[in-house]
């Protein structure tokens, strides 16, 4: 389950789901996994300076 606190939602996803969202803009957490379950995460980061650099035509 993914908990989105600002939206007051707890979303249950099926196994092997891919979920993309701007984590810097949404307060969130995950519920703990059970002993027989697994969770795999890939977290990506982009510096705001890179977007400003591109936006300003550099």
N, C-alpha and C. Protein backbone atom coordinates (compact mmCIF):
# COMPACT_ATOMS: atom_id res chain seq x y z
N UNK A 1 0.84 -1.18 0.00
CA UNK A 1 0.00 0.00 0.00
C UNK A 1 0.88 1.24 0.00
N UNK A 2 0.46 2.21 -0.74
CA UNK A 2 1.10 3.51 -0.75
C UNK A 2 0.15 4.47 -0.04
N UNK A 3 0.64 5.15 0.97
CA UNK A 3 -0.19 6.09 1.73
C UNK A 3 0.18 7.50 1.30
N UNK A 4 -0.81 8.24 0.79
CA UNK A 4 -0.65 9.64 0.39
C UNK A 4 -1.37 10.48 1.42
N UNK A 5 -0.62 11.00 2.36
CA UNK A 5 -1.20 11.66 3.53
C UNK A 5 -1.99 12.92 3.17
N UNK A 6 -1.46 13.76 2.30
CA UNK A 6 -2.16 15.01 1.95
C UNK A 6 -3.51 14.74 1.29
N UNK A 7 -3.59 13.66 0.54
CA UNK A 7 -4.82 13.32 -0.16
C UNK A 7 -5.73 12.40 0.66
N UNK A 8 -5.23 11.97 1.82
CA UNK A 8 -5.97 11.06 2.71
C UNK A 8 -6.36 9.78 1.97
N UNK A 9 -5.36 9.20 1.27
CA UNK A 9 -5.58 7.98 0.50
C UNK A 9 -4.56 6.91 0.89
N UNK A 10 -5.00 5.69 0.89
CA UNK A 10 -4.12 4.53 0.97
C UNK A 10 -4.45 3.68 -0.24
N UNK A 11 -3.49 3.53 -1.14
CA UNK A 11 -3.74 2.86 -2.41
C UNK A 11 -3.06 1.50 -2.41
N UNK A 12 -3.82 0.48 -2.74
CA UNK A 12 -3.30 -0.87 -2.84
C UNK A 12 -3.02 -1.19 -4.30
N UNK A 13 -1.80 -1.59 -4.59
CA UNK A 13 -1.40 -1.92 -5.95
C UNK A 13 -1.21 -3.42 -6.09
N UNK A 14 -1.49 -3.96 -7.27
CA UNK A 14 -1.25 -5.39 -7.49
C UNK A 14 0.26 -5.69 -7.51
N UNK A 15 0.63 -6.94 -7.31
CA UNK A 15 2.05 -7.31 -7.36
C UNK A 15 2.70 -6.87 -8.67
N UNK A 16 3.96 -6.51 -8.57
CA UNK A 16 4.81 -6.11 -9.71
C UNK A 16 4.34 -4.83 -10.39
N UNK A 17 3.68 -3.97 -9.64
CA UNK A 17 3.24 -2.69 -10.19
C UNK A 17 4.40 -1.70 -10.25
N UNK A 18 4.31 -0.78 -11.20
CA UNK A 18 5.23 0.34 -11.28
C UNK A 18 4.43 1.60 -11.01
N UNK A 19 4.91 2.40 -10.06
CA UNK A 19 4.20 3.61 -9.66
C UNK A 19 5.17 4.78 -9.76
N UNK A 20 4.78 5.82 -10.48
CA UNK A 20 5.60 7.02 -10.61
C UNK A 20 4.82 8.21 -10.07
N UNK A 21 5.45 8.99 -9.20
CA UNK A 21 4.82 10.21 -8.71
C UNK A 21 5.90 11.13 -8.17
N UNK A 22 5.64 12.45 -8.11
CA UNK A 22 6.63 13.41 -7.62
C UNK A 22 6.69 13.38 -6.09
N UNK A 23 7.58 12.58 -5.56
CA UNK A 23 7.61 12.36 -4.11
C UNK A 23 7.97 13.62 -3.32
N UNK A 24 8.62 14.60 -3.94
CA UNK A 24 8.94 15.83 -3.23
C UNK A 24 7.70 16.69 -3.01
N UNK A 25 6.65 16.45 -3.77
CA UNK A 25 5.44 17.27 -3.68
C UNK A 25 4.33 16.63 -2.86
N UNK A 26 4.45 15.34 -2.56
CA UNK A 26 3.38 14.61 -1.90
C UNK A 26 3.93 13.91 -0.66
N UNK A 27 3.39 14.21 0.51
CA UNK A 27 3.78 13.50 1.72
C UNK A 27 3.27 12.07 1.61
N UNK A 28 4.18 11.11 1.75
CA UNK A 28 3.80 9.72 1.51
C UNK A 28 4.57 8.77 2.42
N UNK A 29 4.08 7.55 2.47
CA UNK A 29 4.77 6.47 3.18
C UNK A 29 4.25 5.15 2.63
N UNK A 30 4.88 4.07 3.06
CA UNK A 30 4.47 2.72 2.68
C UNK A 30 4.10 1.97 3.95
N UNK A 31 3.20 1.01 3.83
CA UNK A 31 2.94 0.17 4.99
C UNK A 31 4.01 -0.92 5.02
N UNK A 32 4.30 -1.46 6.19
CA UNK A 32 5.32 -2.51 6.28
C UNK A 32 4.92 -3.76 5.49
N UNK A 33 5.91 -4.45 4.95
CA UNK A 33 5.65 -5.70 4.24
C UNK A 33 5.61 -6.84 5.25
N UNK A 34 4.90 -7.89 4.91
CA UNK A 34 4.82 -9.07 5.76
C UNK A 34 6.08 -9.92 5.55
N UNK A 35 6.29 -10.88 6.40
CA UNK A 35 7.48 -11.71 6.34
C UNK A 35 7.67 -12.46 5.03
N UNK A 36 6.61 -12.82 4.36
CA UNK A 36 6.69 -13.57 3.10
C UNK A 36 6.67 -12.66 1.86
N UNK A 37 6.59 -11.35 2.06
CA UNK A 37 6.50 -10.41 0.94
C UNK A 37 7.86 -9.75 0.68
N UNK A 38 7.98 -9.17 -0.50
CA UNK A 38 9.18 -8.41 -0.87
C UNK A 38 8.77 -7.07 -1.45
N UNK A 39 9.64 -6.09 -1.28
CA UNK A 39 9.42 -4.79 -1.91
C UNK A 39 10.75 -4.36 -2.52
N UNK A 40 10.69 -3.89 -3.75
CA UNK A 40 11.88 -3.40 -4.45
C UNK A 40 11.59 -1.98 -4.90
N UNK A 41 12.52 -1.07 -4.62
CA UNK A 41 12.32 0.34 -4.96
C UNK A 41 13.46 0.85 -5.82
N UNK A 42 13.13 1.72 -6.74
CA UNK A 42 14.11 2.50 -7.48
C UNK A 42 13.71 3.95 -7.26
N UNK A 43 14.60 4.70 -6.66
CA UNK A 43 14.31 6.11 -6.37
C UNK A 43 15.24 6.96 -7.23
N UNK A 44 14.66 7.90 -7.96
CA UNK A 44 15.44 8.77 -8.82
C UNK A 44 15.35 10.20 -8.30
N UNK A 45 16.44 10.94 -8.48
CA UNK A 45 16.52 12.31 -8.01
C UNK A 45 16.99 13.20 -9.16
N UNK A 46 16.38 14.36 -9.28
CA UNK A 46 16.83 15.36 -10.24
C UNK A 46 16.94 16.69 -9.52
N UNK A 47 18.08 17.32 -9.64
CA UNK A 47 18.29 18.61 -9.02
C UNK A 47 17.46 19.68 -9.73
N UNK A 48 16.85 20.55 -8.96
CA UNK A 48 16.07 21.64 -9.55
C UNK A 48 16.92 22.55 -10.43
N UNK A 49 18.21 22.66 -10.10
CA UNK A 49 19.11 23.48 -10.91
C UNK A 49 19.22 22.99 -12.35
N UNK A 50 19.14 21.70 -12.56
CA UNK A 50 19.18 21.17 -13.93
C UNK A 50 17.99 21.64 -14.75
N UNK A 51 16.84 21.67 -14.15
CA UNK A 51 15.64 22.11 -14.86
C UNK A 51 15.69 23.62 -15.13
N UNK A 52 16.19 24.40 -14.17
CA UNK A 52 16.33 25.84 -14.38
C UNK A 52 17.36 26.12 -15.47
N UNK A 53 18.45 25.38 -15.47
CA UNK A 53 19.50 25.53 -16.48
C UNK A 53 18.92 25.29 -17.87
N UNK A 54 18.16 24.23 -18.03
CA UNK A 54 17.54 23.90 -19.33
C UNK A 54 16.48 24.94 -19.70
N UNK A 55 15.66 25.35 -18.73
CA UNK A 55 14.59 26.32 -18.98
C UNK A 55 15.17 27.65 -19.48
N UNK A 56 16.33 28.03 -18.96
CA UNK A 56 16.95 29.30 -19.33
C UNK A 56 17.78 29.22 -20.60
N UNK A 57 17.71 28.09 -21.31
CA UNK A 57 18.34 27.99 -22.61
C UNK A 57 19.81 27.66 -22.62
N UNK A 58 20.36 27.15 -21.56
CA UNK A 58 21.79 26.83 -21.53
C UNK A 58 22.03 25.47 -22.08
